[in-house]
Amino acid sequence: MFFYDSDSIEQDFGKYGLIEVSEIDEPNKHMKNKPSINFIMVKCRKIGNC
């Protein structure tokens, strides 16, 4: 598991064609009355002949 802020996302994924970053709040299905689990979805586009 990795912990990112907006700057570290740009550093780590910018060179891979970063096109979108969005946050996802996943309900905690296994522990009722607990807060959701937050994830970041990073979308990249293939660049060139990689």
C-alpha atoms as a PDB file:
ATOM      1  CA  MET A   1       0.000   0.000   0.000  1.00  0.00           C
ATOM      2  CA  PHE A   2       1.298   3.448  -0.870  1.00  0.00           C
ATOM      3  CA  PHE A   3       0.387   6.834   0.564  1.00  0.00           C
ATOM      4  CA  TYR A   4       0.324   9.690  -1.928  1.00  0.00           C
ATOM      5  CA  ASP A   5      -0.381  13.377  -1.987  1.00  0.00           C
ATOM      6  CA  SER A   6      -0.879  15.326  -5.217  1.00  0.00           C
ATOM      7  CA  ASP A   7       2.831  16.174  -5.565  1.00  0.00           C
ATOM      8  CA  SER A   8       4.027  12.595  -5.101  1.00  0.00           C
ATOM      9  CA  ILE A   9       1.403  11.316  -7.576  1.00  0.00           C
ATOM     10  CA  GLU A  10       2.708  13.748 -10.199  1.00  0.00           C
ATOM     11  CA  GLN A  11       6.328  12.724  -9.480  1.00  0.00           C
ATOM     12  CA  ASP A  12       5.667   8.980  -9.604  1.00  0.00           C
ATOM     13  CA  PHE A  13       3.144   8.800 -12.456  1.00  0.00           C
ATOM     14  CA  GLY A  14       3.704  11.958 -14.534  1.00  0.00           C
ATOM     15  CA  LYS A  15       6.243  10.290 -16.797  1.00  0.00           C
ATOM     16  CA  TYR A  16       3.761   7.477 -17.533  1.00  0.00           C
ATOM     17  CA  GLY A  17       1.111   9.669 -19.170  1.00  0.00           C
ATOM     18  CA  LEU A  18      -0.903  10.682 -16.112  1.00  0.00           C
ATOM     19  CA  ILE A  19      -4.361  11.769 -17.268  1.00  0.00           C
ATOM     20  CA  GLU A  20      -6.623  11.557 -14.204  1.00  0.00           C
ATOM     21  CA  VAL A  21      -6.569  11.214 -10.432  1.00  0.00           C
ATOM     22  CA  SER A  22      -9.742  10.597  -8.433  1.00  0.00           C
ATOM     23  CA  GLU A  23     -10.580   9.646  -4.871  1.00  0.00           C
ATOM     24  CA  ILE A  24     -12.759   6.656  -4.061  1.00  0.00           C
ATOM     25  CA  ASP A  25     -14.500   6.093  -0.722  1.00  0.00           C
ATOM     26  CA  GLU A  26     -15.012   2.352  -0.402  1.00  0.00           C
ATOM     27  CA  PRO A  27     -17.558   1.355   2.254  1.00  0.00           C
ATOM     28  CA  ASN A  28     -16.115  -0.815   4.997  1.00  0.00           C
ATOM     29  CA  LYS A  29     -18.202  -3.963   4.433  1.00  0.00           C
ATOM     30  CA  HIS A  30     -16.494  -6.115   7.054  1.00  0.00           C
ATOM     31  CA  MET A  31     -16.753  -3.752  10.019  1.00  0.00           C
ATOM     32  CA  LYS A  32     -20.128  -2.111  10.458  1.00  0.00           C
ATOM     33  CA  ASN A  33     -20.208   1.452  11.790  1.00  0.00           C
ATOM     34  CA  LYS A  34     -16.616   2.060  10.739  1.00  0.00           C
ATOM     35  CA  PRO A  35     -15.570   4.807   8.328  1.00  0.00           C
ATOM     36  CA  SER A  36     -15.087   4.095   4.654  1.00  0.00           C
ATOM     37  CA  ILE A  37     -11.649   3.261   3.263  1.00  0.00           C
ATOM     38  CA  ASN A  38     -10.219   5.979   1.021  1.00  0.00           C
ATOM     39  CA  PHE A  39      -8.330   5.085  -2.145  1.00  0.00           C
ATOM     40  CA  ILE A  40      -6.822   7.105  -4.980  1.00  0.00           C
ATOM     41  CA  MET A  41      -7.361   5.893  -8.543  1.00  0.00           C
ATOM     42  CA  VAL A  42      -4.597   6.941 -10.929  1.00  0.00           C
ATOM     43  CA  LYS A  43      -5.208   6.704 -14.683  1.00  0.00           C
ATOM     44  CA  CYS A  44      -2.354   6.864 -17.172  1.00  0.00           C
ATOM     45  CA  ARG A  45      -2.212   6.669 -20.947  1.00  0.00           C
ATOM     46  CA  LYS A  46       0.420   4.693 -22.791  1.00  0.00           C
ATOM     47  CA  ILE A  47       2.914   7.003 -24.452  1.00  0.00           C
ATOM     48  CA  GLY A  48       4.865   6.080 -27.577  1.00  0.00           C
ATOM     49  CA  ASN A  49       6.270   2.564 -28.087  1.00  0.00           C
ATOM     50  CA  CYS A  50       6.542   1.546 -24.422  1.00  0.00           C
END
